[in-house]
Amino acid sequence: QTGTKHATERLPPEVTLAFASSGNSLQRWMQEARRSGHEILIQVPFEPLSYPANDLSRDMLMVGQSASENIEKLHRAMGQITNYTGVMNYLGSRFLADADALDPVMRDIASRGLLFLDDGSSARSLTGTFAKTLSMPYSVGDVLLDGDLNRAAIMGKLDELERIAQRKGSAVGVASAFDESIAAIAQWSKDAERRGIEIVGVSALATSADQ
């Protein structure tokens, strides 16, 4: 909760915050984030290839479960807070690569007009394919900023993110609410704006994948 507090208070309001559906005091933090001007997402746990070593929670969506069970878990996760613009995965390297398991989940999210942000951690993810089929707002992370939890390394990843944005027109960086990450992003944001980089919420970059 300390990381959440620091992210809400110290990061520019243009930075989108994703809240894990299994987190504590979610209503409180959602309200704090919205008051501070942040766009928010709900982060849903999906089965990784490392399961059962990585057993995220009893509400993790799993390949071996029925569509109705996974939809029930999705709805339970989505019911934890309000005022979010979309859904983001937490892990999910197995689930997001399984078309049969993913299909009803993506259809349910799309039917609600929500965007999907894929954190970009799995090269085998099919979320982009489904987003295109369903014409739903979609975006994918370009750079994991804090795989190396070192401020200098994070600043290096932020520089990489900036180069991608200059080349492509936009880029999405993903990080966790570690002190090192928050401090680096806060510092980089101030300097980046002076270099003509505009920071926007993820919904500004999430377009229908058929466009």
Protein backbone atom coordinates (compact mmCIF):
# COMPACT_ATOMS: atom_id res chain seq x y z
CA GLN A 1 0.00 0.00 0.00
CA THR A 2 3.00 2.29 0.48
CA GLY A 3 3.88 1.87 -3.18
CA THR A 4 0.32 2.67 -4.19
CA LYS A 5 0.35 5.82 -2.06
CA HIS A 6 3.64 6.98 -3.55
CA ALA A 7 2.50 6.26 -7.12
CA THR A 8 -0.73 8.18 -6.62
CA GLU A 9 0.99 11.19 -5.09
CA ARG A 10 4.31 11.40 -6.93
CA LEU A 11 3.59 10.40 -10.51
CA PRO A 12 2.16 12.86 -13.04
CA PRO A 13 -1.63 12.56 -13.33
CA GLU A 14 -1.19 11.51 -16.97
CA VAL A 15 0.34 8.21 -15.83
CA THR A 16 -2.24 5.40 -15.82
CA LEU A 17 -2.43 3.29 -12.66
CA ALA A 18 -3.51 -0.36 -12.75
CA PHE A 19 -4.87 -1.87 -9.54
CA ALA A 20 -4.57 -5.60 -8.87
CA SER A 21 -8.04 -7.01 -8.27
CA SER A 22 -6.72 -8.92 -5.25
CA GLY A 23 -5.27 -5.81 -3.61
CA ASN A 24 -6.26 -4.26 -0.30
CA SER A 25 -8.34 -1.10 0.23
CA LEU A 26 -9.07 -0.87 -3.50
CA GLN A 27 -12.02 1.49 -3.18
CA ARG A 28 -9.92 3.92 -1.18
CA TRP A 29 -7.01 3.85 -3.62
CA MET A 30 -9.28 4.09 -6.63
CA GLN A 31 -10.82 7.24 -5.20
CA GLU A 32 -7.39 8.69 -4.34
CA ALA A 33 -6.11 7.98 -7.84
CA ARG A 34 -9.13 9.54 -9.53
CA ARG A 35 -8.93 12.62 -7.29
CA SER A 36 -5.30 12.98 -8.36
CA GLY A 37 -6.33 12.83 -12.01
CA HIS A 38 -5.03 9.36 -12.89
CA GLU A 39 -6.77 7.10 -15.37
CA ILE A 40 -7.12 3.63 -13.84
CA LEU A 41 -7.27 0.02 -15.01
CA ILE A 42 -8.20 -3.19 -13.21
CA GLN A 43 -5.44 -5.80 -13.32
CA VAL A 44 -6.71 -9.38 -13.60
CA PRO A 45 -4.54 -12.47 -12.87
CA PHE A 46 -4.22 -14.98 -15.71
CA GLU A 47 -2.55 -18.38 -15.58
CA PRO A 48 1.21 -18.24 -16.35
CA LEU A 49 3.33 -21.06 -17.75
CA SER A 50 4.97 -21.25 -14.31
CA TYR A 51 1.73 -22.40 -12.62
CA PRO A 52 1.45 -24.00 -10.06
CA ALA A 53 4.78 -22.63 -8.83
CA ASN A 54 3.27 -19.20 -9.46
CA ASP A 55 -0.19 -19.59 -7.92
CA LEU A 56 -1.50 -16.03 -8.02
CA SER A 57 -4.83 -16.34 -6.26
CA ARG A 58 -8.00 -18.38 -6.11
CA ASP A 59 -9.46 -15.96 -8.65
CA MET A 60 -6.80 -16.57 -11.30
CA LEU A 61 -8.32 -17.30 -14.71
CA MET A 62 -7.09 -20.71 -15.86
CA VAL A 63 -6.93 -22.68 -19.11
CA GLY A 64 -8.25 -25.87 -17.50
CA GLN A 65 -11.42 -24.27 -16.18
CA SER A 66 -14.72 -23.82 -17.99
CA ALA A 67 -15.62 -20.58 -19.74
CA SER A 68 -18.34 -19.94 -17.16
CA GLU A 69 -15.87 -20.34 -14.28
CA ASN A 70 -13.40 -17.94 -15.88
CA ILE A 71 -16.12 -15.39 -16.67
CA GLU A 72 -17.32 -15.60 -13.07
CA LYS A 73 -13.76 -14.88 -11.87
CA LEU A 74 -13.42 -12.05 -14.37
CA HIS A 75 -16.64 -10.46 -13.14
CA ARG A 76 -15.55 -10.85 -9.53
CA ALA A 77 -12.28 -9.07 -10.34
CA MET A 78 -14.04 -6.35 -12.30
CA GLY A 79 -16.47 -5.79 -9.44
CA GLN A 80 -13.75 -4.80 -6.98
CA ILE A 81 -13.67 -1.16 -8.09
CA THR A 82 -15.37 1.23 -10.51
CA ASN A 83 -14.27 4.11 -12.73
CA TYR A 84 -11.69 2.12 -14.69
CA THR A 85 -11.34 2.41 -18.45
CA GLY A 86 -10.06 -1.09 -19.10
CA VAL A 87 -8.51 -4.37 -18.09
CA MET A 88 -4.82 -5.25 -17.88
CA ASN A 89 -3.32 -8.71 -17.51
CA TYR A 90 -1.18 -9.81 -14.60
CA LEU A 91 1.11 -12.53 -15.99
CA GLY A 92 -0.89 -14.95 -18.16
CA SER A 93 1.69 -16.45 -20.52
CA ARG A 94 -0.32 -19.71 -20.71
CA PHE A 95 -3.84 -18.28 -20.68
CA LEU A 96 -3.27 -15.45 -23.14
CA ALA A 97 -1.82 -17.91 -25.66
CA ASP A 98 -4.81 -20.27 -25.51
CA ALA A 99 -7.45 -19.18 -28.03
CA ASP A 100 -10.27 -21.31 -26.58
CA ALA A 101 -9.77 -19.99 -23.05
CA LEU A 102 -9.18 -16.39 -24.10
CA ASP A 103 -12.10 -16.04 -26.53
CA PRO A 104 -15.03 -15.69 -24.08
CA VAL A 105 -12.99 -13.45 -21.79
CA MET A 106 -12.04 -10.99 -24.50
CA ARG A 107 -15.60 -11.00 -25.83
CA ASP A 108 -16.97 -10.14 -22.39
CA ILE A 109 -14.49 -7.29 -21.94
CA ALA A 110 -15.22 -5.95 -25.43
CA SER A 111 -18.97 -6.07 -24.85
CA ARG A 112 -18.55 -3.61 -21.98
CA GLY A 113 -16.69 -1.07 -24.08
CA LEU A 114 -13.51 -1.51 -22.07
CA LEU A 115 -10.00 -1.40 -23.47
CA PHE A 116 -7.46 -4.16 -22.97
CA LEU A 117 -3.85 -3.39 -22.14
CA ASP A 118 -1.49 -6.33 -22.69
CA ASP A 119 1.66 -5.76 -20.65
CA GLY A 120 3.76 -7.17 -23.49
CA SER A 121 5.45 -9.83 -21.39
CA SER A 122 4.39 -12.78 -23.56
CA ALA A 123 5.36 -13.00 -27.23
CA ARG A 124 2.74 -15.72 -27.70
CA SER A 125 -0.18 -13.61 -26.48
CA LEU A 126 -3.25 -13.64 -28.74
CA THR A 127 -4.89 -10.57 -27.22
CA GLY A 128 -4.05 -8.40 -30.23
CA THR A 129 -5.64 -10.90 -32.60
CA PHE A 130 -8.85 -10.98 -30.58
CA ALA A 131 -8.89 -7.21 -30.18
CA LYS A 132 -8.73 -6.84 -33.96
CA THR A 133 -11.53 -9.36 -34.47
CA LEU A 134 -13.71 -7.65 -31.87
CA SER A 135 -12.78 -4.08 -32.88
CA MET A 136 -12.08 -3.27 -29.25
CA PRO A 137 -9.73 -0.59 -27.88
CA TYR A 138 -6.35 -2.22 -27.36
CA SER A 139 -2.78 -1.39 -26.52
CA VAL A 140 0.34 -3.36 -25.67
CA GLY A 141 3.38 -2.52 -23.58
CA ASP A 142 6.52 -1.73 -25.55
CA VAL A 143 9.01 -1.75 -22.66
CA LEU A 144 9.08 -3.35 -19.21
CA LEU A 145 10.77 -0.54 -17.34
CA ASP A 146 11.82 -2.18 -14.08
CA GLY A 147 12.86 -5.73 -14.85
CA ASP A 148 16.14 -4.65 -13.26
CA LEU A 149 15.16 -2.85 -10.07
CA ASN A 150 17.92 -0.29 -10.23
CA ARG A 151 17.26 3.40 -10.77
CA ALA A 152 19.97 3.81 -13.40
CA ALA A 153 18.70 0.75 -15.28
CA ILE A 154 15.13 2.06 -15.15
CA MET A 155 16.27 5.42 -16.50
CA GLY A 156 17.96 3.54 -19.34
CA LYS A 157 14.69 1.76 -20.14
CA LEU A 158 12.84 5.07 -20.08
CA ASP A 159 15.32 6.43 -22.61
CA GLU A 160 14.58 3.35 -24.74
CA LEU A 161 10.85 4.04 -24.41
CA GLU A 162 11.40 7.61 -25.56
CA ARG A 163 13.35 6.45 -28.63
CA ILE A 164 10.52 4.07 -29.55
CA ALA A 165 7.98 6.87 -29.15
CA GLN A 166 10.02 9.15 -31.40
CA ARG A 167 10.28 6.42 -34.03
CA LYS A 168 6.69 5.11 -33.89
CA GLY A 169 4.83 8.18 -32.70
CA SER A 170 3.88 6.61 -29.36
CA ALA A 171 5.03 3.98 -26.89
CA VAL A 172 3.74 2.31 -23.73
CA GLY A 173 5.96 1.61 -20.73
CA VAL A 174 4.96 -0.76 -17.92
CA ALA A 175 6.32 -0.71 -14.37
CA SER A 176 5.40 -1.78 -10.85
CA ALA A 177 4.98 0.58 -7.90
CA PHE A 178 8.46 0.11 -6.49
CA ASP A 179 10.13 3.15 -4.95
CA GLU A 180 12.94 3.01 -7.52
CA SER A 181 10.44 2.88 -10.40
CA ILE A 182 8.31 5.73 -9.10
CA ALA A 183 11.31 7.97 -8.47
CA ALA A 184 12.79 7.30 -11.91
CA ILE A 185 9.51 7.83 -13.78
CA ALA A 186 8.77 11.04 -11.87
CA GLN A 187 12.20 12.45 -12.72
CA TRP A 188 12.12 11.32 -16.35
CA SER A 189 8.64 12.74 -16.86
CA LYS A 190 9.76 16.27 -16.00
CA ASP A 191 12.75 16.10 -18.33
CA ALA A 192 10.83 14.36 -21.14
CA GLU A 193 8.23 17.10 -21.32
CA ARG A 194 10.98 19.64 -21.90
CA ARG A 195 12.12 17.49 -24.84
CA GLY A 196 8.66 17.58 -26.39
CA ILE A 197 7.45 14.18 -25.16
CA GLU A 198 3.78 14.24 -24.19
CA ILE A 199 2.68 11.81 -21.49
CA VAL A 200 -0.89 10.55 -21.89
CA GLY A 201 -3.20 7.99 -20.32
CA VAL A 202 -3.26 4.63 -22.01
CA SER A 203 -6.77 5.16 -23.38
CA ALA A 204 -5.37 7.93 -25.60
CA LEU A 205 -3.17 5.32 -27.29
CA ALA A 206 -5.60 2.40 -27.26
CA THR A 207 -7.33 2.38 -30.62
CA SER A 208 -9.56 -0.18 -32.26
CA ALA A 209 -7.17 -2.77 -33.59
CA ASP A 210 -8.86 -2.79 -37.00
CA GLN A 211 -7.83 0.81 -37.61
